Amino acid sequence: MNAESFDAFGQSSSGTSSLHPSDAVKMQDLIQAIETSVQLESQMNIIKNMNQKCFERCIYKPSSSSISNGERQCIAKCMDRFQDGLKVVNQTIMQRAKAEADAMHHSAGMSH
């Protein structure tokens, strides 16, 4: 008796897929939707953190009905610095991912 086992994604131990092509497309669509949702939540958290940090740093009298010009300038500069920091972090992540992909590609080429 040679029963083949399948993982949660429909991949068999022999490398063949039990998924019908339309199911595979549906799964790809679901994965894309989840990735988009995670990215959106991440962006919302970044904005929330930026708002909180800049508010704490720049608004001195939260009970007043309006903010001063100094507070406005502080918020603008704070948000600019926060966004500049995010750019540096994102560039670093992209560079590391590229370096890892290049290293994997290079090592894969060496083994053939």
PDB file of N, CA and C in Angstrom:
ATOM      1  N   MET A   1       0.852  -1.175   0.000  1.00  0.00           N
ATOM      2  CA  MET A   1       0.000   0.000   0.000  1.00  0.00           C
ATOM      3  C   MET A   1       0.893   1.232   0.000  1.00  0.00           C
ATOM      4  N   ASN A   2       0.793   2.042  -1.044  1.00  0.00           N
ATOM      5  CA  ASN A   2       1.647   3.215  -1.195  1.00  0.00           C
ATOM      6  C   ASN A   2       0.780   4.472  -1.167  1.00  0.00           C
ATOM      7  N   ALA A   3       0.358   4.867   0.055  1.00  0.00           N
ATOM      8  CA  ALA A   3      -0.498   6.051   0.194  1.00  0.00           C
ATOM      9  C   ALA A   3       0.380   7.288   0.269  1.00  0.00           C
ATOM     10  N   GLU A   4       0.051   8.237  -0.560  1.00  0.00           N
ATOM     11  CA  GLU A   4       0.816   9.470  -0.585  1.00  0.00           C
ATOM     12  C   GLU A   4       0.237  10.427   0.456  1.00  0.00           C
ATOM     13  N   SER A   5       1.112  11.161   1.167  1.00  0.00           N
ATOM     14  CA  SER A   5       0.625  12.132   2.142  1.00  0.00           C
ATOM     15  C   SER A   5       0.717  13.536   1.561  1.00  0.00           C
ATOM     16  N   PHE A   6      -0.215  14.395   1.993  1.00  0.00           N
ATOM     17  CA  PHE A   6      -0.276  15.766   1.503  1.00  0.00           C
ATOM     18  C   PHE A   6      -0.196  16.730   2.680  1.00  0.00           C
ATOM     19  N   ASP A   7       0.523  17.849   2.472  1.00  0.00           N
ATOM     20  CA  ASP A   7       0.597  18.855   3.526  1.00  0.00           C
ATOM     21  C   ASP A   7      -0.624  19.777   3.453  1.00  0.00           C
ATOM     22  N   ALA A   8      -0.657  20.805   4.307  1.00  0.00           N
ATOM     23  CA  ALA A   8      -1.802  21.707   4.389  1.00  0.00           C
ATOM     24  C   ALA A   8      -2.032  22.493   3.094  1.00  0.00           C
ATOM     25  N   PHE A   9      -0.999  22.605   2.259  1.00  0.00           N
ATOM     26  CA  PHE A   9      -1.118  23.350   1.020  1.00  0.00           C
ATOM     27  C   PHE A   9      -1.373  22.440  -0.182  1.00  0.00           C
ATOM     28  N   GLY A  10      -1.643  21.160   0.070  1.00  0.00           N
ATOM     29  CA  GLY A  10      -1.958  20.242  -1.013  1.00  0.00           C
ATOM     30  C   GLY A  10      -0.740  19.704  -1.732  1.00  0.00           C
ATOM     31  N   GLN A  11       0.438  19.902  -1.165  1.00  0.00           N
ATOM     32  CA  GLN A  11       1.677  19.419  -1.782  1.00  0.00           C
ATOM     33  C   GLN A  11       1.936  18.004  -1.269  1.00  0.00           C
ATOM     34  N   SER A  12       2.182  17.087  -2.172  1.00  0.00           N
ATOM     35  CA  SER A  12       2.435  15.708  -1.758  1.00  0.00           C
ATOM     36  C   SER A  12       3.904  15.534  -1.411  1.00  0.00           C
ATOM     37  N   SER A  13       4.183  14.426  -0.753  1.00  0.00           N
ATOM     38  CA  SER A  13       5.569  14.131  -0.396  1.00  0.00           C
ATOM     39  C   SER A  13       6.430  13.913  -1.632  1.00  0.00           C
ATOM     40  N   SER A  14       5.815  13.565  -2.758  1.00  0.00           N
ATOM     41  CA  SER A  14       6.586  13.362  -3.985  1.00  0.00           C
ATOM     42  C   SER A  14       6.740  14.653  -4.785  1.00  0.00           C
ATOM     43  N   GLY A  15       6.149  15.760  -4.294  1.00  0.00           N
ATOM     44  CA  GLY A  15       6.303  17.041  -4.969  1.00  0.00           C
ATOM     45  C   GLY A  15       5.165  17.388  -5.905  1.00  0.00           C
ATOM     46  N   THR A  16       4.190  16.498  -6.050  1.00  0.00           N
ATOM     47  CA  THR A  16       3.051  16.813  -6.903  1.00  0.00           C
ATOM     48  C   THR A  16       1.976  17.494  -6.067  1.00  0.00           C
ATOM     49  N   SER A  17       1.106  18.216  -6.713  1.00  0.00           N
ATOM     50  CA  SER A  17       0.069  18.956  -6.008  1.00  0.00           C
ATOM     51  C   SER A  17      -1.275  18.288  -6.204  1.00  0.00           C
ATOM     52  N   SER A  18      -2.064  18.238  -5.110  1.00  0.00           N
ATOM     53  CA  SER A  18      -3.410  17.687  -5.198  1.00  0.00           C
ATOM     54  C   SER A  18      -4.425  18.782  -5.495  1.00  0.00           C
ATOM     55  N   LEU A  19      -3.990  20.039  -5.541  1.00  0.00           N
ATOM     56  CA  LEU A  19      -4.906  21.150  -5.782  1.00  0.00           C
ATOM     57  C   LEU A  19      -5.283  21.242  -7.251  1.00  0.00           C
ATOM     58  N   HIS A  20      -6.546  21.469  -7.476  1.00  0.00           N
ATOM     59  CA  HIS A  20      -7.017  21.767  -8.822  1.00  0.00           C
ATOM     60  C   HIS A  20      -6.497  23.158  -9.170  1.00  0.00           C
ATOM     61  N   PRO A  21      -6.168  23.427 -10.424  1.00  0.00           N
ATOM     62  CA  PRO A  21      -5.640  24.749 -10.788  1.00  0.00           C
ATOM     63  C   PRO A  21      -6.499  25.914 -10.299  1.00  0.00           C
ATOM     64  N   SER A  22      -7.829  25.772 -10.339  1.00  0.00           N
ATOM     65  CA  SER A  22      -8.685  26.868  -9.864  1.00  0.00           C
ATOM     66  C   SER A  22      -8.545  27.054  -8.358  1.00  0.00           C
ATOM     67  N   ASP A  23      -8.309  25.958  -7.612  1.00  0.00           N
ATOM     68  CA  ASP A  23      -8.081  26.059  -6.174  1.00  0.00           C
ATOM     69  C   ASP A  23      -6.756  26.754  -5.889  1.00  0.00           C
ATOM     70  N   ALA A  24      -5.763  26.477  -6.710  1.00  0.00           N
ATOM     71  CA  ALA A  24      -4.462  27.118  -6.543  1.00  0.00           C
ATOM     72  C   ALA A  24      -4.582  28.621  -6.765  1.00  0.00           C
ATOM     73  N   VAL A  25      -5.380  29.023  -7.750  1.00  0.00           N
ATOM     74  CA  VAL A  25      -5.609  30.453  -8.010  1.00  0.00           C
ATOM     75  C   VAL A  25      -6.326  31.082  -6.824  1.00  0.00           C
ATOM     76  N   LYS A  26      -7.334  30.384  -6.301  1.00  0.00           N
ATOM     77  CA  LYS A  26      -8.056  30.889  -5.130  1.00  0.00           C
ATOM     78  C   LYS A  26      -7.112  31.046  -3.938  1.00  0.00           C
ATOM     79  N   MET A  27      -6.210  30.078  -3.754  1.00  0.00           N
ATOM     80  CA  MET A  27      -5.268  30.144  -2.651  1.00  0.00           C
ATOM     81  C   MET A  27      -4.321  31.331  -2.835  1.00  0.00           C
ATOM     82  N   GLN A  28      -3.845  31.545  -4.055  1.00  0.00           N
ATOM     83  CA  GLN A  28      -2.964  32.692  -4.340  1.00  0.00           C
ATOM     84  C   GLN A  28      -3.697  33.998  -4.058  1.00  0.00           C
ATOM     85  N   ASP A  29      -4.974  34.080  -4.453  1.00  0.00           N
ATOM     86  CA  ASP A  29      -5.776  35.271  -4.184  1.00  0.00           C
ATOM     87  C   ASP A  29      -5.924  35.497  -2.679  1.00  0.00           C
ATOM     88  N   LEU A  30      -6.149  34.423  -1.932  1.00  0.00           N
ATOM     89  CA  LEU A  30      -6.277  34.518  -0.482  1.00  0.00           C
ATOM     90  C   LEU A  30      -4.973  34.975   0.149  1.00  0.00           C
ATOM     91  N   ILE A  31      -3.868  34.408  -0.299  1.00  0.00           N
ATOM     92  CA  ILE A  31      -2.553  34.804   0.218  1.00  0.00           C
ATOM     93  C   ILE A  31      -2.308  36.280  -0.070  1.00  0.00           C
ATOM     94  N   GLN A  32      -2.636  36.722  -1.278  1.00  0.00           N
ATOM     95  CA  GLN A  32      -2.477  38.138  -1.649  1.00  0.00           C
ATOM     96  C   GLN A  32      -3.337  39.034  -0.755  1.00  0.00           C
ATOM     97  N   ALA A  33      -4.568  38.630  -0.493  1.00  0.00           N
ATOM     98  CA  ALA A  33      -5.460  39.414   0.356  1.00  0.00           C
ATOM     99  C   ALA A  33      -4.925  39.505   1.780  1.00  0.00           C
ATOM    100  N   ILE A  34      -4.385  38.406   2.288  1.00  0.00           N
ATOM    101  CA  ILE A  34      -3.810  38.406   3.642  1.00  0.00           C
ATOM    102  C   ILE A  34      -2.589  39.312   3.692  1.00  0.00           C
ATOM    103  N   GLU A  35      -1.711  39.216   2.693  1.00  0.00           N
ATOM    104  CA  GLU A  35      -0.526  40.068   2.655  1.00  0.00           C
ATOM    105  C   GLU A  35      -0.915  41.541   2.594  1.00  0.00           C
ATOM    106  N   THR A  36      -1.917  41.872   1.796  1.00  0.00           N
ATOM    107  CA  THR A  36      -2.385  43.252   1.690  1.00  0.00           C
ATOM    108  C   THR A  36      -2.940  43.731   3.026  1.00  0.00           C
ATOM    109  N   SER A  37      -3.697  42.884   3.685  1.00  0.00           N
ATOM    110  CA  SER A  37      -4.264  43.221   4.987  1.00  0.00           C
ATOM    111  C   SER A  37      -3.171  43.472   6.022  1.00  0.00           C
ATOM    112  N   VAL A  38      -2.149  42.630   6.024  1.00  0.00           N
ATOM    113  CA  VAL A  38      -1.028  42.789   6.959  1.00  0.00           C
ATOM    114  C   VAL A  38      -0.287  44.090   6.677  1.00  0.00           C
ATOM    115  N   GLN A  39      -0.063  44.398   5.397  1.00  0.00           N
ATOM    116  CA  GLN A  39       0.611  45.650   5.041  1.00  0.00           C
ATOM    117  C   GLN A  39      -0.208  46.858   5.479  1.00  0.00           C
ATOM    118  N   LEU A  40      -1.516  46.809   5.268  1.00  0.00           N
ATOM    119  CA  LEU A  40      -2.394  47.907   5.656  1.00  0.00           C
ATOM    120  C   LEU A  40      -2.376  48.106   7.165  1.00  0.00           C
ATOM    121  N   GLU A  41      -2.458  47.024   7.916  1.00  0.00           N
ATOM    122  CA  GLU A  41      -2.413  47.108   9.376  1.00  0.00           C
ATOM    123  C   GLU A  41      -1.073  47.671   9.836  1.00  0.00           C
ATOM    124  N   SER A  42       0.006  47.263   9.201  1.00  0.00           N
ATOM    125  CA  SER A  42       1.331  47.776   9.538  1.00  0.00           C
ATOM    126  C   SER A  42       1.407  49.275   9.291  1.00  0.00           C
ATOM    127  N   GLN A  43       0.893  49.727   8.150  1.00  0.00           N
ATOM    128  CA  GLN A  43       0.899  51.160   7.844  1.00  0.00           C
ATOM    129  C   GLN A  43       0.042  51.938   8.823  1.00  0.00           C
ATOM    130  N   MET A  44      -1.087  51.381   9.220  1.00  0.00           N
ATOM    131  CA  MET A  44      -1.950  52.053  10.190  1.00  0.00           C
ATOM    132  C   MET A  44      -1.242  52.171  11.539  1.00  0.00           C
ATOM    133  N   ASN A  45      -0.506  51.141  11.938  1.00  0.00           N
ATOM    134  CA  ASN A  45       0.243  51.189  13.198  1.00  0.00           C
ATOM    135  C   ASN A  45       1.356  52.224  13.138  1.00  0.00           C
ATOM    136  N   ILE A  46       2.008  52.333  11.995  1.00  0.00           N
ATOM    137  CA  ILE A  46       3.069  53.336  11.835  1.00  0.00           C
ATOM    138  C   ILE A  46       2.493  54.737  11.990  1.00  0.00           C
ATOM    139  N   ILE A  47       1.358  54.994  11.334  1.00  0.00           N
ATOM    140  CA  ILE A  47       0.722  56.310  11.430  1.00  0.00           C
ATOM    141  C   ILE A  47       0.277  56.582  12.870  1.00  0.00           C
ATOM    142  N   LYS A  48      -0.291  55.573  13.503  1.00  0.00           N
ATOM    143  CA  LYS A  48      -0.737  55.724  14.897  1.00  0.00           C
ATOM    144  C   LYS A  48       0.457  56.072  15.796  1.00  0.00           C
ATOM    145  N   ASN A  49       1.563  55.355  15.627  1.00  0.00           N
ATOM    146  CA  ASN A  49       2.756  55.627  16.432  1.00  0.00           C
ATOM    147  C   ASN A  49       3.299  57.026  16.162  1.00  0.00           C
ATOM    148  N   MET A  50       3.330  57.424  14.890  1.00  0.00           N
ATOM    149  CA  MET A  50       3.826  58.746  14.537  1.00  0.00           C
ATOM    150  C   MET A  50       2.948  59.821  15.177  1.00  0.00           C
ATOM    151  N   ASN A  51       1.634  59.663  15.073  1.00  0.00           N
ATOM    152  CA  ASN A  51       0.723  60.635  15.675  1.00  0.00           C
ATOM    153  C   ASN A  51       0.921  60.731  17.182  1.00  0.00           C
ATOM    154  N   GLN A  52       1.030  59.577  17.829  1.00  0.00           N
ATOM    155  CA  GLN A  52       1.188  59.556  19.280  1.00  0.00           C
ATOM    156  C   GLN A  52       2.507  60.200  19.701  1.00  0.00           C
ATOM    157  N   LYS A  53       3.607  59.803  19.062  1.00  0.00           N
ATOM    158  CA  LYS A  53       4.921  60.349  19.422  1.00  0.00           C
ATOM    159  C   LYS A  53       4.982  61.855  19.189  1.00  0.00           C
ATOM    160  N   CYS A  54       4.488  62.296  18.044  1.00  0.00           N
ATOM    161  CA  CYS A  54       4.564  63.725  17.727  1.00  0.00           C
ATOM    162  C   CYS A  54       3.628  64.535  18.622  1.00  0.00           C
ATOM    163  N   PHE A  55       2.473  63.988  18.950  1.00  0.00           N
ATOM    164  CA  PHE A  55       1.560  64.680  19.853  1.00  0.00           C
ATOM    165  C   PHE A  55       2.214  64.835  21.222  1.00  0.00           C
ATOM    166  N   GLU A  56       2.771  63.727  21.743  1.00  0.00           N
ATOM    167  CA  GLU A  56       3.414  63.777  23.059  1.00  0.00           C
ATOM    168  C   GLU A  56       4.591  64.754  23.075  1.00  0.00           C
ATOM    169  N   ARG A  57       5.308  64.825  21.979  1.00  0.00           N
ATOM    170  CA  ARG A  57       6.499  65.660  21.904  1.00  0.00           C
ATOM    171  C   ARG A  57       6.157  67.137  21.684  1.00  0.00           C
ATOM    172  N   CYS A  58       5.082  67.416  20.990  1.00  0.00           N
ATOM    173  CA  CYS A  58       4.847  68.787  20.512  1.00  0.00           C
ATOM    174  C   CYS A  58       3.672  69.531  21.136  1.00  0.00           C
ATOM    175  N   ILE A  59       2.669  68.832  21.622  1.00  0.00           N
ATOM    176  CA  ILE A  59       1.484  69.505  22.144  1.00  0.00           C
ATOM    177  C   ILE A  59       1.639  69.666  23.657  1.00  0.00           C
ATOM    178  N   TYR A  60       1.786  70.915  24.061  1.00  0.00           N
ATOM    179  CA  TYR A  60       2.071  71.197  25.468  1.00  0.00           C
ATOM    180  C   TYR A  60       0.809  71.476  26.268  1.00  0.00           C
ATOM    181  N   LYS A  61      -0.227  72.005  25.631  1.00  0.00           N
ATOM    182  CA  LYS A  61      -1.478  72.328  26.325  1.00  0.00           C
ATOM    183  C   LYS A  61      -2.635  71.666  25.588  1.00  0.00           C
ATOM    184  N   PRO A  62      -2.826  70.355  25.767  1.00  0.00           N
ATOM    185  CA  PRO A  62      -3.874  69.678  25.006  1.00  0.00           C
ATOM    186  C   PRO A  62      -5.277  70.184  25.320  1.00  0.00           C
ATOM    187  N   SER A  63      -5.449  70.911  26.411  1.00  0.00           N
ATOM    188  CA  SER A  63      -6.794  71.376  26.761  1.00  0.00           C
ATOM    189  C   SER A  63      -7.197  72.636  25.997  1.00  0.00           C
ATOM    190  N   SER A  64      -6.219  73.332  25.403  1.00  0.00           N
ATOM    191  CA  SER A  64      -6.574  74.552  24.674  1.00  0.00           C
ATOM    192  C   SER A  64      -7.302  74.203  23.379  1.00  0.00           C
ATOM    193  N   SER A  65      -8.082  75.156  22.876  1.00  0.00           N
ATOM    194  CA  SER A  65      -8.935  74.885  21.722  1.00  0.00           C
ATOM    195  C   SER A  65      -8.173  74.859  20.403  1.00  0.00           C
ATOM    196  N   SER A  66      -6.984  75.430  20.357  1.00  0.00           N
ATOM    197  CA  SER A  66      -6.212  75.412  19.116  1.00  0.00           C
ATOM    198  C   SER A  66      -4.734  75.234  19.442  1.00  0.00           C
ATOM    199  N   ILE A  67      -3.982  74.827  18.424  1.00  0.00           N
ATOM    200  CA  ILE A  67      -2.549  74.659  18.649  1.00  0.00           C
ATOM    201  C   ILE A  67      -1.812  75.898  18.151  1.00  0.00           C
ATOM    202  N   SER A  68      -0.688  76.165  18.768  1.00  0.00           N
ATOM    203  CA  SER A  68       0.090  77.349  18.409  1.00  0.00           C
ATOM    204  C   SER A  68       0.904  77.092  17.141  1.00  0.00           C
ATOM    205  N   ASN A  69       1.426  78.157  16.571  1.00  0.00           N
ATOM    206  CA  ASN A  69       2.297  78.021  15.399  1.00  0.00           C
ATOM    207  C   ASN A  69       3.524  77.180  15.734  1.00  0.00           C
ATOM    208  N   GLY A  70       4.070  77.379  16.929  1.00  0.00           N
ATOM    209  CA  GLY A  70       5.226  76.588  17.362  1.00  0.00           C
ATOM    210  C   GLY A  70       4.910  75.105  17.430  1.00  0.00           C
ATOM    211  N   GLU A  71       3.722  74.788  17.954  1.00  0.00           N
ATOM    212  CA  GLU A  71       3.299  73.389  18.025  1.00  0.00           C
ATOM    213  C   GLU A  71       3.094  72.815  16.618  1.00  0.00           C
ATOM    214  N   ARG A  72       2.531  73.602  15.721  1.00  0.00           N
ATOM    215  CA  ARG A  72       2.346  73.166  14.319  1.00  0.00           C
ATOM    216  C   ARG A  72       3.687  72.866  13.663  1.00  0.00           C
ATOM    217  N   GLN A  73       4.643  73.779  13.860  1.00  0.00           N
ATOM    218  CA  GLN A  73       5.972  73.570  13.276  1.00  0.00           C
ATOM    219  C   GLN A  73       6.635  72.333  13.874  1.00  0.00           C
ATOM    220  N   CYS A  74       6.482  72.158  15.177  1.00  0.00           N
ATOM    221  CA  CYS A  74       7.047  70.980  15.843  1.00  0.00           C
ATOM    222  C   CYS A  74       6.456  69.699  15.263  1.00  0.00           C
ATOM    223  N   ILE A  75       5.139  69.675  15.090  1.00  0.00           N
ATOM    224  CA  ILE A  75       4.472  68.489  14.533  1.00  0.00           C
ATOM    225  C   ILE A  75       4.971  68.216  13.113  1.00  0.00           C
ATOM    226  N   ALA A  76       5.071  69.254  12.297  1.00  0.00           N
ATOM    227  CA  ALA A  76       5.537  69.080  10.918  1.00  0.00           C
ATOM    228  C   ALA A  76       6.952  68.512  10.888  1.00  0.00           C
ATOM    229  N   LYS A  77       7.834  69.064  11.718  1.00  0.00           N
ATOM    230  CA  LYS A  77       9.223  68.576  11.767  1.00  0.00           C
ATOM    231  C   LYS A  77       9.278  67.152  12.311  1.00  0.00           C
ATOM    232  N   CYS A  78       8.478  66.884  13.331  1.00  0.00           N
ATOM    233  CA  CYS A  78       8.448  65.542  13.928  1.00  0.00           C
ATOM    234  C   CYS A  78       8.006  64.513  12.891  1.00  0.00           C
ATOM    235  N   MET A  79       6.960  64.835  12.156  1.00  0.00           N
ATOM    236  CA  MET A  79       6.463  63.897  11.142  1.00  0.00           C
ATOM    237  C   MET A  79       7.487  63.715  10.026  1.00  0.00           C
ATOM    238  N   ASP A  80       8.156  64.794   9.637  1.00  0.00           N
ATOM    239  CA  ASP A  80       9.213  64.691   8.622  1.00  0.00           C
ATOM    240  C   ASP A  80      10.334  63.776   9.098  1.00  0.00           C
ATOM    241  N   ARG A  81      10.770  63.961  10.342  1.00  0.00           N
ATOM    242  CA  ARG A  81      11.842  63.109  10.888  1.00  0.00           C
ATOM    243  C   ARG A  81      11.392  61.657  10.971  1.00  0.00           C
ATOM    244  N   PHE A  82      10.167  61.445  11.395  1.00  0.00           N
ATOM    245  CA  PHE A  82       9.625  60.091  11.501  1.00  0.00           C
ATOM    246  C   PHE A  82       9.619  59.424  10.125  1.00  0.00           C
ATOM    247  N   GLN A  83       9.149  60.144   9.104  1.00  0.00           N
ATOM    248  CA  GLN A  83       9.104  59.597   7.748  1.00  0.00           C
ATOM    249  C   GLN A  83      10.509  59.355   7.203  1.00  0.00           C
ATOM    250  N   ASP A  84      11.447  60.264   7.495  1.00  0.00           N
ATOM    251  CA  ASP A  84      12.836  60.049   7.067  1.00  0.00           C
ATOM    252  C   ASP A  84      13.401  58.788   7.708  1.00  0.00           C
ATOM    253  N   GLY A  85      13.095  58.591   8.986  1.00  0.00           N
ATOM    254  CA  GLY A  85      13.543  57.380   9.674  1.00  0.00           C
ATOM    255  C   GLY A  85      12.969  56.126   9.044  1.00  0.00           C
ATOM    256  N   LEU A  86      11.690  56.172   8.684  1.00  0.00           N
ATOM    257  CA  LEU A  86      11.054  55.020   8.027  1.00  0.00           C
ATOM    258  C   LEU A  86      11.711  54.717   6.690  1.00  0.00           C
ATOM    259  N   LYS A  87      12.075  55.761   5.950  1.00  0.00           N
ATOM    260  CA  LYS A  87      12.748  55.554   4.658  1.00  0.00           C
ATOM    261  C   LYS A  87      14.064  54.824   4.851  1.00  0.00           C
ATOM    262  N   VAL A  88      14.826  55.235   5.870  1.00  0.00           N
ATOM    263  CA  VAL A  88      16.118  54.586   6.140  1.00  0.00           C
ATOM    264  C   VAL A  88      15.898  53.123   6.509  1.00  0.00           C
ATOM    265  N   VAL A  89      14.922  52.870   7.370  1.00  0.00           N
ATOM    266  CA  VAL A  89      14.629  51.490   7.779  1.00  0.00           C
ATOM    267  C   VAL A  89      14.203  50.654   6.567  1.00  0.00           C
ATOM    268  N   ASN A  90      13.298  51.182   5.748  1.00  0.00           N
ATOM    269  CA  ASN A  90      12.841  50.446   4.567  1.00  0.00           C
ATOM    270  C   ASN A  90      13.974  50.186   3.581  1.00  0.00           C
ATOM    271  N   GLN A  91      14.847  51.167   3.365  1.00  0.00           N
ATOM    272  CA  GLN A  91      15.985  50.978   2.464  1.00  0.00           C
ATOM    273  C   GLN A  91      16.909  49.893   2.997  1.00  0.00           C
ATOM    274  N   THR A  92      17.141  49.896   4.308  1.00  0.00           N
ATOM    275  CA  THR A  92      18.003  48.880   4.915  1.00  0.00           C
ATOM    276  C   THR A  92      17.398  47.488   4.755  1.00  0.00           C
ATOM    277  N   ILE A  93      16.105  47.386   4.986  1.00  0.00           N
ATOM    278  CA  ILE A  93      15.423  46.094   4.824  1.00  0.00           C
ATOM    279  C   ILE A  93      15.533  45.613   3.383  1.00  0.00           C
ATOM    280  N   MET A  94      15.310  46.517   2.425  1.00  0.00           N
ATOM    281  CA  MET A  94      15.393  46.141   1.008  1.00  0.00           C
ATOM    282  C   MET A  94      16.810  45.719   0.632  1.00  0.00           C
ATOM    283  N   GLN A  95      17.812  46.432   1.127  1.00  0.00           N
ATOM    284  CA  GLN A  95      19.202  46.081   0.831  1.00  0.00           C
ATOM    285  C   GLN A  95      19.548  44.711   1.401  1.00  0.00           C
ATOM    286  N   ARG A  96      19.107  44.440   2.628  1.00  0.00           N
ATOM    287  CA  ARG A  96      19.381  43.131   3.240  1.00  0.00           C
ATOM    288  C   ARG A  96      18.677  42.014   2.484  1.00  0.00           C
ATOM    289  N   ALA A  97      17.418  42.256   2.102  1.00  0.00           N
ATOM    290  CA  ALA A  97      16.678  41.240   1.354  1.00  0.00           C
ATOM    291  C   ALA A  97      17.356  40.967   0.013  1.00  0.00           C
ATOM    292  N   LYS A  98      17.811  42.018  -0.654  1.00  0.00           N
ATOM    293  CA  LYS A  98      18.499  41.848  -1.934  1.00  0.00           C
ATOM    294  C   LYS A  98      19.805  41.091  -1.740  1.00  0.00           C
ATOM    295  N   ALA A  99      20.553  41.440  -0.692  1.00  0.00           N
ATOM    296  CA  ALA A  99      21.819  40.754  -0.426  1.00  0.00           C
ATOM    297  C   ALA A  99      21.578  39.276  -0.134  1.00  0.00           C
ATOM    298  N   GLU A 100      20.528  38.973   0.635  1.00  0.00           N
ATOM    299  CA  GLU A 100      20.205  37.574   0.927  1.00  0.00           C
ATOM    300  C   GLU A 100      19.793  36.825  -0.340  1.00  0.00           C
ATOM    301  N   ALA A 101      18.970  37.481  -1.165  1.00  0.00           N
ATOM    302  CA  ALA A 101      18.538  36.846  -2.419  1.00  0.00           C
ATOM    303  C   ALA A 101      19.738  36.618  -3.332  1.00  0.00           C
ATOM    304  N   ASP A 102      20.639  37.614  -3.409  1.00  0.00           N
ATOM    305  CA  ASP A 102      21.837  37.452  -4.233  1.00  0.00           C
ATOM    306  C   ASP A 102      22.708  36.318  -3.708  1.00  0.00           C
ATOM    307  N   ALA A 103      22.839  36.229  -2.388  1.00  0.00           N
ATOM    308  CA  ALA A 103      23.655  35.165  -1.789  1.00  0.00           C
ATOM    309  C   ALA A 103      23.042  33.794  -2.055  1.00  0.00           C
ATOM    310  N   MET A 104      21.717  33.702  -1.951  1.00  0.00           N
ATOM    311  CA  MET A 104      21.051  32.426  -2.221  1.00  0.00           C
ATOM    312  C   MET A 104      21.188  32.054  -3.700  1.00  0.00           C
ATOM    313  N   HIS A 105      21.049  33.051  -4.557  1.00  0.00           N
ATOM    314  CA  HIS A 105      21.181  32.808  -5.999  1.00  0.00           C
ATOM    315  C   HIS A 105      22.606  32.370  -6.320  1.00  0.00           C
ATOM    316  N   HIS A 106      23.577  33.037  -5.703  1.00  0.00           N
ATOM    317  CA  HIS A 106      24.987  32.704  -5.934  1.00  0.00           C
ATOM    318  C   HIS A 106      25.305  31.290  -5.438  1.00  0.00           C
ATOM    319  N   SER A 107      24.804  30.954  -4.220  1.00  0.00           N
ATOM    320  CA  SER A 107      25.083  29.625  -3.679  1.00  0.00           C
ATOM    321  C   SER A 107      24.352  28.546  -4.465  1.00  0.00           C
ATOM    322  N   ALA A 108      23.185  28.862  -5.007  1.00  0.00           N
ATOM    323  CA  ALA A 108      22.456  27.893  -5.828  1.00  0.00           C
ATOM    324  C   ALA A 108      23.219  27.649  -7.141  1.00  0.00           C
ATOM    325  N   GLY A 109      23.820  28.702  -7.671  1.00  0.00           N
ATOM    326  CA  GLY A 109      24.606  28.568  -8.884  1.00  0.00           C
ATOM    327  C   GLY A 109      25.872  27.779  -8.670  1.00  0.00           C
ATOM    328  N   MET A 110      26.422  27.840  -7.468  1.00  0.00           N
ATOM    329  CA  MET A 110      27.648  27.117  -7.135  1.00  0.00           C
ATOM    330  C   MET A 110      27.397  25.637  -7.009  1.00  0.00           C
ATOM    331  N   SER A 111      26.160  25.248  -6.588  1.00  0.00           N
ATOM    332  CA  SER A 111      25.901  23.831  -6.347  1.00  0.00           C
ATOM    333  C   SER A 111      25.535  23.070  -7.616  1.00  0.00           C
ATOM    334  N   HIS A 112      25.358  23.773  -8.720  1.00  0.00           N
ATOM    335  CA  HIS A 112      24.991  23.092  -9.961  1.00  0.00           C
ATOM    336  C   HIS A 112      26.190  22.777 -10.780  1.00  0.00           C
TER     337      HIS A 112
END
